[in-house]
Structures are given as structure tokens and as C-alpha cells.
């Protein structure tokens, strides 16, 4: 089952996810909110990863690099001699090579079985990658990242939580308001159709992370971004003061990073190796 899952993820990103469309964006960008009203908030949250790693060094591992598609992602390795882009998708690495050229080294592989020696990297970043593995391999993936991290250095990992407290009730509100809107318009509450092609995702939560990794790894949970794409698209709009709302949210995340990291949609998980 695990190998089958990995094969499906590889096929999705090789054939669909990291193919550029006519507008120059990757097909996988549909999972992000790219509207101007959220641009500043998204930009600032992506830059938070820099706080979880050292500013310079020799080798930075980008585990599950994809094509390094956003400008903010480029900043993570600005102070490093080389960025090692590691991904299960050969298409992702082809695109990453176009993006960063000679600054990169490109390796195809499985994050749960890293082909690198112990203590090899001065920093590690991993963006939205581990949740594409079967649950049985999540812990192993974290341990593998820790194994290849150099002593005294840090890894910054971003993944999504399952049903986080701050998002769950808003998701329920979205469901009910959508049904009510369709009902008032005289449309069926449920619409059947072809399911949009996507990739495998299996997320965990803060309790799981502490239970499974707390005894083995020095884990710090802080905030990357508390609002999901679905929440942003539903509630944040220019005509309803969306930018001001997100400025306030970002300020709250900065003030209470642990609370929003544990209870929001996307935590920034920082692991330091002594």
C-alpha cells in the first residue's frame, strides 16, 4: 500500500501537478490562493521559514522541493553554497533546475529513505511533503530528516494539520452557508460530478507529533499560516476589508505563534539537533 501510494503521488506530479499551464502557473497552484487581497499575508507567512533555519552554510536540503515555485522559497538558500533539491517527481526537479540552475543539486528519491549520510546538511526545509506519505511513514520521515541534519543546525518543516481547532468550525460554517445559498437559489444541495484529480494526502495533528516524536526529537511547533486556502477564498475579499483582516491575523500569529501553530491549519515545525 505504501509503495502504491508513492507511485500515485509520483505520477500525479510528473503528469499533472508540476506541468505549467498557459498562464505560466503550475497546475498545482490551484491549491493556493493567488489573489491580490491575500498577497501580502501569503508573502509574509512564506518568509517565516527563514526563522527556522540558520542564515548561511554549505548545503541546504530542500526535501520535497517541487519546482521551488515561489520567489519566497528562493530566499531559504540565499546564504548557502548549494541547495539540494530532493523530490519523488523527476518533473519537479526538471522545473527546479530551470529555476535555480547551478545553485542546485537535484536528486530523485523518497523522503522516508534519504540517500544521504548522517549529519550532511547545515539546514533542511520541507514544504507540504510529509503529508503525501502514508501515515505509517510520517515518523520515519521526520527521523530521516533529523539523521541527515548536522549537529547544532535546524530543520524547518511545514505540513497541514487534520481538523485544526481554529479551522474546523469555519469549515462547518462554509458547508452550511454553501448549502443554504444553493437552496435559496433553487439548486440541489448536493451536486454529483467527476471528482477532480488530486494527490494523496494524510495529515496528523499536534498531539500526534508530540506523542510520536517528543521522546526522540526536540520539536518546536510555531506558526507558518493559520488560515487555510479554503478559509481565505471564502471569507477574505477586497470589498470586505480583507487586507485589514489579514494584517490583524498576521499580527496575532506573531504575538501567539505557538497557539496559532498548534490550532491553525499550517504549523512550522522546527527541529534542532544538539
C-alpha atoms as a PDB file:
ATOM      1  CA  UNK A   1       0.000   0.000   0.000  1.00  0.00           C
ATOM      2  CA  UNK A   2       2.839   2.375   0.839  1.00  0.00           C
ATOM      3  CA  UNK A   3       4.656   1.818  -2.469  1.00  0.00           C
ATOM      4  CA  UNK A   4       1.367   2.151  -4.355  1.00  0.00           C
ATOM      5  CA  UNK A   5       0.704   5.479  -2.610  1.00  0.00           C
ATOM      6  CA  UNK A   6       4.153   6.793  -3.537  1.00  0.00           C
ATOM      7  CA  UNK A   7       3.683   5.705  -7.132  1.00  0.00           C
ATOM      8  CA  UNK A   8       0.392   7.601  -7.338  1.00  0.00           C
ATOM      9  CA  UNK A   9       1.967  10.734  -5.862  1.00  0.00           C
ATOM     10  CA  UNK A  10       4.864  10.483  -8.320  1.00  0.00           C
ATOM     11  CA  UNK A  11       2.511  10.018 -11.270  1.00  0.00           C
ATOM     12  CA  UNK A  12       0.332  12.957 -10.217  1.00  0.00           C
ATOM     13  CA  UNK A  13       3.226  15.395 -10.002  1.00  0.00           C
ATOM     14  CA  UNK A  14       5.000  14.086 -13.109  1.00  0.00           C
ATOM     15  CA  UNK A  15       1.867  14.135 -15.260  1.00  0.00           C
ATOM     16  CA  UNK A  16      -0.309  16.870 -13.716  1.00  0.00           C
ATOM     17  CA  UNK A  17       0.863  18.815 -10.668  1.00  0.00           C
ATOM     18  CA  UNK A  18       4.150  20.265 -11.962  1.00  0.00           C
ATOM     19  CA  UNK A  19       3.093  20.877 -15.548  1.00  0.00           C
ATOM     20  CA  UNK A  20       2.939  24.551 -16.460  1.00  0.00           C
ATOM     21  CA  UNK A  21      -0.344  25.823 -17.855  1.00  0.00           C
ATOM     22  CA  UNK A  22      -0.985  28.593 -20.389  1.00  0.00           C
ATOM     23  CA  UNK A  23      -0.794  31.334 -17.743  1.00  0.00           C
ATOM     24  CA  UNK A  24       2.687  30.198 -16.713  1.00  0.00           C
ATOM     25  CA  UNK A  25       1.490  28.804 -13.371  1.00  0.00           C
ATOM     26  CA  UNK A  26       1.804  25.193 -12.319  1.00  0.00           C
ATOM     27  CA  UNK A  27      -1.392  23.170 -12.232  1.00  0.00           C
ATOM     28  CA  UNK A  28      -0.745  22.550  -8.539  1.00  0.00           C
ATOM     29  CA  UNK A  29      -1.118  26.307  -7.893  1.00  0.00           C
ATOM     30  CA  UNK A  30      -4.894  25.830  -7.819  1.00  0.00           C
ATOM     31  CA  UNK A  31      -4.404  24.667  -4.222  1.00  0.00           C
ATOM     32  CA  UNK A  32      -3.102  28.157  -3.344  1.00  0.00           C
ATOM     33  CA  UNK A  33      -4.892  31.483  -3.138  1.00  0.00           C
ATOM     34  CA  UNK A  34      -3.116  33.835  -5.547  1.00  0.00           C
ATOM     35  CA  UNK A  35      -5.487  36.813  -5.340  1.00  0.00           C
ATOM     36  CA  UNK A  36      -4.031  40.303  -4.710  1.00  0.00           C
ATOM     37  CA  UNK A  37      -6.054  40.697  -1.500  1.00  0.00           C
ATOM     38  CA  UNK A  38      -4.077  37.908   0.207  1.00  0.00           C
ATOM     39  CA  UNK A  39      -0.721  38.539  -1.473  1.00  0.00           C
ATOM     40  CA  UNK A  40       0.997  40.337   1.429  1.00  0.00           C
ATOM     41  CA  UNK A  41      -0.216  37.828   4.021  1.00  0.00           C
ATOM     42  CA  UNK A  42       0.924  34.838   1.948  1.00  0.00           C
ATOM     43  CA  UNK A  43       4.280  36.503   1.231  1.00  0.00           C
ATOM     44  CA  UNK A  44       4.987  37.194   4.896  1.00  0.00           C
ATOM     45  CA  UNK A  45       3.991  33.713   6.046  1.00  0.00           C
ATOM     46  CA  UNK A  46       6.236  32.021   3.483  1.00  0.00           C
ATOM     47  CA  UNK A  47       9.197  34.049   4.736  1.00  0.00           C
ATOM     48  CA  UNK A  48       8.700  32.662   8.265  1.00  0.00           C
ATOM     49  CA  UNK A  49      10.595  29.533   7.221  1.00  0.00           C
ATOM     50  CA  UNK A  50      13.814  31.573   7.290  1.00  0.00           C
ATOM     51  CA  UNK A  51      13.410  31.940  11.054  1.00  0.00           C
ATOM     52  CA  UNK A  52      13.596  28.170  11.465  1.00  0.00           C
ATOM     53  CA  UNK A  53      16.998  27.673   9.832  1.00  0.00           C
ATOM     54  CA  UNK A  54      20.467  29.179  10.018  1.00  0.00           C
ATOM     55  CA  UNK A  55      21.002  32.092   7.582  1.00  0.00           C
ATOM     56  CA  UNK A  56      24.060  30.575   5.878  1.00  0.00           C
ATOM     57  CA  UNK A  57      26.017  27.377   5.412  1.00  0.00           C
ATOM     58  CA  UNK A  58      27.306  24.910   2.824  1.00  0.00           C
ATOM     59  CA  UNK A  59      24.425  22.583   1.925  1.00  0.00           C
ATOM     60  CA  UNK A  60      20.697  23.149   2.392  1.00  0.00           C
ATOM     61  CA  UNK A  61      18.390  20.187   1.768  1.00  0.00           C
ATOM     62  CA  UNK A  62      15.006  21.027   0.262  1.00  0.00           C
ATOM     63  CA  UNK A  63      13.142  17.787   0.971  1.00  0.00           C
ATOM     64  CA  UNK A  64      10.179  17.549  -1.374  1.00  0.00           C
ATOM     65  CA  UNK A  65      11.346  20.636  -3.229  1.00  0.00           C
ATOM     66  CA  UNK A  66       8.891  20.566  -6.093  1.00  0.00           C
ATOM     67  CA  UNK A  67       9.957  23.174  -8.692  1.00  0.00           C
ATOM     68  CA  UNK A  68      10.829  25.771  -5.986  1.00  0.00           C
ATOM     69  CA  UNK A  69       7.904  27.628  -7.491  1.00  0.00           C
ATOM     70  CA  UNK A  70       7.599  30.754  -5.343  1.00  0.00           C
ATOM     71  CA  UNK A  71      10.065  33.633  -5.038  1.00  0.00           C
ATOM     72  CA  UNK A  72       9.961  33.440  -1.235  1.00  0.00           C
ATOM     73  CA  UNK A  73      11.192  29.832  -1.414  1.00  0.00           C
ATOM     74  CA  UNK A  74      14.363  31.044  -3.132  1.00  0.00           C
ATOM     75  CA  UNK A  75      15.324  33.071  -0.052  1.00  0.00           C
ATOM     76  CA  UNK A  76      15.797  29.939   2.081  1.00  0.00           C
ATOM     77  CA  UNK A  77      19.103  29.058   0.396  1.00  0.00           C
ATOM     78  CA  UNK A  78      20.449  32.534  -0.396  1.00  0.00           C
ATOM     79  CA  UNK A  79      23.198  32.170   2.197  1.00  0.00           C
ATOM     80  CA  UNK A  80      24.144  28.606   1.187  1.00  0.00           C
ATOM     81  CA  UNK A  81      26.687  27.293  -1.297  1.00  0.00           C
ATOM     82  CA  UNK A  82      24.278  24.710  -2.707  1.00  0.00           C
ATOM     83  CA  UNK A  83      20.597  23.853  -2.456  1.00  0.00           C
ATOM     84  CA  UNK A  84      19.981  20.102  -2.746  1.00  0.00           C
ATOM     85  CA  UNK A  85      16.543  19.695  -4.313  1.00  0.00           C
ATOM     86  CA  UNK A  86      15.175  16.278  -3.414  1.00  0.00           C
ATOM     87  CA  UNK A  87      11.832  15.084  -4.773  1.00  0.00           C
ATOM     88  CA  UNK A  88       9.986  11.934  -5.797  1.00  0.00           C
ATOM     89  CA  UNK A  89       8.999  13.619  -9.086  1.00  0.00           C
ATOM     90  CA  UNK A  90      11.523  13.935 -11.910  1.00  0.00           C
ATOM     91  CA  UNK A  91       9.294  16.585 -13.495  1.00  0.00           C
ATOM     92  CA  UNK A  92       9.560  18.685 -10.324  1.00  0.00           C
ATOM     93  CA  UNK A  93      13.348  18.537 -10.477  1.00  0.00           C
ATOM     94  CA  UNK A  94      13.437  19.462 -14.164  1.00  0.00           C
ATOM     95  CA  UNK A  95      11.456  22.582 -13.322  1.00  0.00           C
ATOM     96  CA  UNK A  96      13.613  23.298 -10.256  1.00  0.00           C
ATOM     97  CA  UNK A  97      16.756  23.132 -12.418  1.00  0.00           C
ATOM     98  CA  UNK A  98      15.265  25.758 -14.745  1.00  0.00           C
ATOM     99  CA  UNK A  99      14.535  27.914 -11.710  1.00  0.00           C
ATOM    100  CA  UNK A 100      17.805  27.813  -9.748  1.00  0.00           C
ATOM    101  CA  UNK A 101      20.366  26.455 -12.227  1.00  0.00           C
ATOM    102  CA  UNK A 102      23.902  25.887 -10.929  1.00  0.00           C
ATOM    103  CA  UNK A 103      22.918  26.808  -7.378  1.00  0.00           C
ATOM    104  CA  UNK A 104      21.101  23.478  -7.169  1.00  0.00           C
ATOM    105  CA  UNK A 105      21.892  19.786  -6.968  1.00  0.00           C
ATOM    106  CA  UNK A 106      18.975  17.554  -7.954  1.00  0.00           C
ATOM    107  CA  UNK A 107      18.177  14.119  -6.537  1.00  0.00           C
ATOM    108  CA  UNK A 108      15.160  11.867  -7.118  1.00  0.00           C
ATOM    109  CA  UNK A 109      14.079   9.827  -4.122  1.00  0.00           C
ATOM    110  CA  UNK A 110      11.831   9.046  -1.175  1.00  0.00           C
ATOM    111  CA  UNK A 111      11.842  11.307   1.890  1.00  0.00           C
ATOM    112  CA  UNK A 112      11.285   8.282   4.145  1.00  0.00           C
ATOM    113  CA  UNK A 113      14.544   6.737   2.859  1.00  0.00           C
ATOM    114  CA  UNK A 114      17.028   9.550   2.317  1.00  0.00           C
ATOM    115  CA  UNK A 115      20.178   8.531   0.365  1.00  0.00           C
ATOM    116  CA  UNK A 116      22.448  10.878   2.314  1.00  0.00           C
ATOM    117  CA  UNK A 117      24.994  10.291   5.045  1.00  0.00           C
ATOM    118  CA  UNK A 118      24.420  11.290   8.648  1.00  0.00           C
ATOM    119  CA  UNK A 119      24.970  14.976   9.575  1.00  0.00           C
ATOM    120  CA  UNK A 120      25.220  16.035   5.909  1.00  0.00           C
ATOM    121  CA  UNK A 121      23.219  19.291   5.862  1.00  0.00           C
ATOM    122  CA  UNK A 122      23.549  22.657   7.570  1.00  0.00           C
ATOM    123  CA  UNK A 123      19.824  23.302   7.109  1.00  0.00           C
ATOM    124  CA  UNK A 124      16.723  21.455   5.948  1.00  0.00           C
ATOM    125  CA  UNK A 125      13.426  22.801   4.681  1.00  0.00           C
ATOM    126  CA  UNK A 126      10.443  20.652   3.762  1.00  0.00           C
ATOM    127  CA  UNK A 127       7.259  22.241   2.449  1.00  0.00           C
ATOM    128  CA  UNK A 128       3.979  20.303   2.331  1.00  0.00           C
ATOM    129  CA  UNK A 129       5.682  16.970   1.695  1.00  0.00           C
ATOM    130  CA  UNK A 130       5.370  14.507   4.575  1.00  0.00           C
ATOM    131  CA  UNK A 131       1.566  14.536   4.456  1.00  0.00           C
ATOM    132  CA  UNK A 132       1.768  12.950   0.985  1.00  0.00           C
ATOM    133  CA  UNK A 133       3.070   9.752   2.598  1.00  0.00           C
ATOM    134  CA  UNK A 134       1.048   7.015   4.228  1.00  0.00           C
ATOM    135  CA  UNK A 135       0.626   7.637   7.975  1.00  0.00           C
ATOM    136  CA  UNK A 136       2.893   4.700   8.784  1.00  0.00           C
ATOM    137  CA  UNK A 137       5.849   6.576   7.254  1.00  0.00           C
ATOM    138  CA  UNK A 138       5.370  10.013   8.794  1.00  0.00           C
ATOM    139  CA  UNK A 139       7.505   9.332  11.864  1.00  0.00           C
ATOM    140  CA  UNK A 140      10.221   7.664   9.807  1.00  0.00           C
ATOM    141  CA  UNK A 141      10.390  10.728   7.540  1.00  0.00           C
ATOM    142  CA  UNK A 142      10.934  13.087  10.479  1.00  0.00           C
ATOM    143  CA  UNK A 143      13.624  10.776  11.858  1.00  0.00           C
ATOM    144  CA  UNK A 144      15.344  10.628   8.473  1.00  0.00           C
ATOM    145  CA  UNK A 145      15.452  14.412   8.248  1.00  0.00           C
ATOM    146  CA  UNK A 146      16.905  14.551  11.759  1.00  0.00           C
ATOM    147  CA  UNK A 147      19.517  11.924  10.856  1.00  0.00           C
ATOM    148  CA  UNK A 148      20.953  13.917   7.944  1.00  0.00           C
ATOM    149  CA  UNK A 149      20.869  17.266   9.796  1.00  0.00           C
ATOM    150  CA  UNK A 150      24.251  18.455  11.088  1.00  0.00           C
ATOM    151  CA  UNK A 151      24.739  18.964  14.854  1.00  0.00           C
ATOM    152  CA  UNK A 152      23.891  22.469  16.035  1.00  0.00           C
ATOM    153  CA  UNK A 153      21.666  23.070  13.000  1.00  0.00           C
ATOM    154  CA  UNK A 154      17.905  23.266  12.438  1.00  0.00           C
ATOM    155  CA  UNK A 155      15.241  21.875  10.128  1.00  0.00           C
ATOM    156  CA  UNK A 156      12.059  23.806   9.269  1.00  0.00           C
ATOM    157  CA  UNK A 157       9.111  21.652   8.207  1.00  0.00           C
ATOM    158  CA  UNK A 158       5.684  22.828   7.028  1.00  0.00           C
ATOM    159  CA  UNK A 159       2.732  20.448   6.870  1.00  0.00           C
ATOM    160  CA  UNK A 160      -1.004  20.730   7.358  1.00  0.00           C
ATOM    161  CA  UNK A 161      -2.970  19.554  10.397  1.00  0.00           C
ATOM    162  CA  UNK A 162      -6.089  17.397  10.295  1.00  0.00           C
ATOM    163  CA  UNK A 163      -9.196  19.287  11.515  1.00  0.00           C
ATOM    164  CA  UNK A 164      -7.350  22.011  13.476  1.00  0.00           C
ATOM    165  CA  UNK A 165      -9.463  23.747  16.110  1.00  0.00           C
ATOM    166  CA  UNK A 166      -9.363  27.233  14.575  1.00  0.00           C
ATOM    167  CA  UNK A 167     -10.308  25.999  11.120  1.00  0.00           C
ATOM    168  CA  UNK A 168     -12.780  23.211  11.836  1.00  0.00           C
ATOM    169  CA  UNK A 169     -15.722  25.370  12.895  1.00  0.00           C
ATOM    170  CA  UNK A 170     -15.178  27.744   9.968  1.00  0.00           C
ATOM    171  CA  UNK A 171     -15.170  24.790   7.575  1.00  0.00           C
ATOM    172  CA  UNK A 172     -18.504  23.684   9.037  1.00  0.00           C
ATOM    173  CA  UNK A 173     -19.836  27.214   8.553  1.00  0.00           C
ATOM    174  CA  UNK A 174     -18.720  27.122   4.922  1.00  0.00           C
ATOM    175  CA  UNK A 175     -20.598  23.866   4.344  1.00  0.00           C
ATOM    176  CA  UNK A 176     -23.833  25.146   5.875  1.00  0.00           C
ATOM    177  CA  UNK A 177     -23.722  28.537   4.146  1.00  0.00           C
ATOM    178  CA  UNK A 178     -22.981  26.884   0.802  1.00  0.00           C
ATOM    179  CA  UNK A 179     -25.956  24.576   1.216  1.00  0.00           C
ATOM    180  CA  UNK A 180     -28.193  27.468   2.233  1.00  0.00           C
ATOM    181  CA  UNK A 181     -27.050  29.543  -0.734  1.00  0.00           C
ATOM    182  CA  UNK A 182     -27.823  26.710  -3.149  1.00  0.00           C
ATOM    183  CA  UNK A 183     -31.176  26.093  -1.508  1.00  0.00           C
ATOM    184  CA  UNK A 184     -32.166  29.764  -1.813  1.00  0.00           C
ATOM    185  CA  UNK A 185     -31.182  29.702  -5.475  1.00  0.00           C
ATOM    186  CA  UNK A 186     -33.324  26.645  -6.083  1.00  0.00           C
ATOM    187  CA  UNK A 187     -30.350  24.408  -6.815  1.00  0.00           C
ATOM    188  CA  UNK A 188     -29.711  20.896  -5.472  1.00  0.00           C
ATOM    189  CA  UNK A 189     -27.851  20.873  -2.169  1.00  0.00           C
ATOM    190  CA  UNK A 190     -25.533  18.136  -3.378  1.00  0.00           C
ATOM    191  CA  UNK A 191     -24.095  18.123  -6.853  1.00  0.00           C
ATOM    192  CA  UNK A 192     -22.683  14.904  -8.229  1.00  0.00           C
ATOM    193  CA  UNK A 193     -19.893  15.001 -10.739  1.00  0.00           C
ATOM    194  CA  UNK A 194     -16.449  13.772 -11.581  1.00  0.00           C
ATOM    195  CA  UNK A 195     -14.036  14.113  -8.723  1.00  0.00           C
ATOM    196  CA  UNK A 196     -11.181  16.472  -9.558  1.00  0.00           C
ATOM    197  CA  UNK A 197      -7.879  14.694  -9.905  1.00  0.00           C
ATOM    198  CA  UNK A 198      -5.612  15.284  -6.940  1.00  0.00           C
ATOM    199  CA  UNK A 199      -2.868  13.588  -4.978  1.00  0.00           C
ATOM    200  CA  UNK A 200      -2.851  11.508  -1.807  1.00  0.00           C
ATOM    201  CA  UNK A 201      -2.834  13.476   1.461  1.00  0.00           C
ATOM    202  CA  UNK A 202      -2.847  12.123   5.016  1.00  0.00           C
ATOM    203  CA  UNK A 203      -2.333  14.682   7.771  1.00  0.00           C
ATOM    204  CA  UNK A 204      -1.753  14.463  11.527  1.00  0.00           C
ATOM    205  CA  UNK A 205      -2.070  16.917  14.437  1.00  0.00           C
ATOM    206  CA  UNK A 206      -0.004  18.439  17.233  1.00  0.00           C
ATOM    207  CA  UNK A 207      -0.926  15.668  19.686  1.00  0.00           C
ATOM    208  CA  UNK A 208       0.325  13.024  17.287  1.00  0.00           C
ATOM    209  CA  UNK A 209       3.561  14.921  16.719  1.00  0.00           C
ATOM    210  CA  UNK A 210       4.352  15.210  20.419  1.00  0.00           C
ATOM    211  CA  UNK A 211       3.322  11.645  21.169  1.00  0.00           C
ATOM    212  CA  UNK A 212       5.296  10.063  18.329  1.00  0.00           C
ATOM    213  CA  UNK A 213       8.334  12.353  18.189  1.00  0.00           C
ATOM    214  CA  UNK A 214       8.573  14.064  21.567  1.00  0.00           C
ATOM    215  CA  UNK A 215      10.758  11.376  23.099  1.00  0.00           C
ATOM    216  CA  UNK A 216      13.121  11.227  20.108  1.00  0.00           C
ATOM    217  CA  UNK A 217      13.359  14.748  18.706  1.00  0.00           C
ATOM    218  CA  UNK A 218      13.492  18.286  20.150  1.00  0.00           C
ATOM    219  CA  UNK A 219      10.381  19.574  18.356  1.00  0.00           C
ATOM    220  CA  UNK A 220       9.111  23.168  18.475  1.00  0.00           C
ATOM    221  CA  UNK A 221       5.688  23.948  16.997  1.00  0.00           C
ATOM    222  CA  UNK A 222       5.208  27.518  15.846  1.00  0.00           C
ATOM    223  CA  UNK A 223       3.011  29.135  13.196  1.00  0.00           C
ATOM    224  CA  UNK A 224       3.517  29.206   9.454  1.00  0.00           C
ATOM    225  CA  UNK A 225      -0.005  30.115   8.333  1.00  0.00           C
ATOM    226  CA  UNK A 226      -3.162  29.596  10.382  1.00  0.00           C
ATOM    227  CA  UNK A 227      -5.716  30.239   7.604  1.00  0.00           C
ATOM    228  CA  UNK A 228      -6.355  27.522   5.024  1.00  0.00           C
ATOM    229  CA  UNK A 229      -6.794  28.308   1.332  1.00  0.00           C
ATOM    230  CA  UNK A 230     -10.460  27.428   1.634  1.00  0.00           C
ATOM    231  CA  UNK A 231     -10.929  29.882   4.505  1.00  0.00           C
ATOM    232  CA  UNK A 232      -9.136  32.640   2.620  1.00  0.00           C
ATOM    233  CA  UNK A 233     -11.149  32.166  -0.547  1.00  0.00           C
ATOM    234  CA  UNK A 234     -14.436  32.093   1.340  1.00  0.00           C
ATOM    235  CA  UNK A 235     -14.068  34.903   3.870  1.00  0.00           C
ATOM    236  CA  UNK A 236     -11.319  37.247   2.652  1.00  0.00           C
ATOM    237  CA  UNK A 237     -12.373  39.713  -0.044  1.00  0.00           C
ATOM    238  CA  UNK A 238     -11.242  43.187  -1.058  1.00  0.00           C
ATOM    239  CA  UNK A 239     -14.679  44.742  -0.663  1.00  0.00           C
ATOM    240  CA  UNK A 240     -14.987  43.394   2.890  1.00  0.00           C
ATOM    241  CA  UNK A 241     -11.690  44.856   4.178  1.00  0.00           C
ATOM    242  CA  UNK A 242      -9.846  41.609   3.531  1.00  0.00           C
ATOM    243  CA  UNK A 243      -6.360  43.114   3.657  1.00  0.00           C
ATOM    244  CA  UNK A 244      -7.001  44.722   7.035  1.00  0.00           C
ATOM    245  CA  UNK A 245      -8.351  41.447   8.424  1.00  0.00           C
ATOM    246  CA  UNK A 246      -5.232  39.594   7.309  1.00  0.00           C
ATOM    247  CA  UNK A 247      -2.955  42.286   8.725  1.00  0.00           C
ATOM    248  CA  UNK A 248      -4.669  41.765  12.076  1.00  0.00           C
ATOM    249  CA  UNK A 249      -4.431  37.974  11.757  1.00  0.00           C
ATOM    250  CA  UNK A 250      -0.733  38.128  10.950  1.00  0.00           C
ATOM    251  CA  UNK A 251      -0.154  40.368  13.962  1.00  0.00           C
ATOM    252  CA  UNK A 252      -1.973  37.866  16.199  1.00  0.00           C
ATOM    253  CA  UNK A 253       0.059  34.984  14.765  1.00  0.00           C
ATOM    254  CA  UNK A 254       3.244  36.889  15.549  1.00  0.00           C
ATOM    255  CA  UNK A 255       2.092  37.549  19.104  1.00  0.00           C
ATOM    256  CA  UNK A 256       0.901  33.983  19.798  1.00  0.00           C
ATOM    257  CA  UNK A 257       2.914  31.751  17.441  1.00  0.00           C
ATOM    258  CA  UNK A 258       2.568  28.561  19.458  1.00  0.00           C
ATOM    259  CA  UNK A 259      -1.215  28.841  19.824  1.00  0.00           C
ATOM    260  CA  UNK A 260      -1.758  29.503  16.124  1.00  0.00           C
ATOM    261  CA  UNK A 261       0.819  26.863  15.196  1.00  0.00           C
ATOM    262  CA  UNK A 262      -0.942  24.163  17.176  1.00  0.00           C
ATOM    263  CA  UNK A 263      -4.512  25.176  16.332  1.00  0.00           C
ATOM    264  CA  UNK A 264      -4.273  26.752  12.865  1.00  0.00           C
ATOM    265  CA  UNK A 265      -4.032  24.982   9.526  1.00  0.00           C
ATOM    266  CA  UNK A 266      -0.294  25.037   8.830  1.00  0.00           C
ATOM    267  CA  UNK A 267       2.367  24.783  11.551  1.00  0.00           C
ATOM    268  CA  UNK A 268       6.056  25.499  11.157  1.00  0.00           C
ATOM    269  CA  UNK A 269       7.773  22.589  12.886  1.00  0.00           C
ATOM    270  CA  UNK A 270      11.351  23.379  13.888  1.00  0.00           C
ATOM    271  CA  UNK A 271      13.761  20.616  14.879  1.00  0.00           C
ATOM    272  CA  UNK A 272      17.175  21.447  16.341  1.00  0.00           C
ATOM    273  CA  UNK A 273      19.971  18.895  16.518  1.00  0.00           C
ATOM    274  CA  UNK A 274      22.244  19.299  19.521  1.00  0.00           C
END
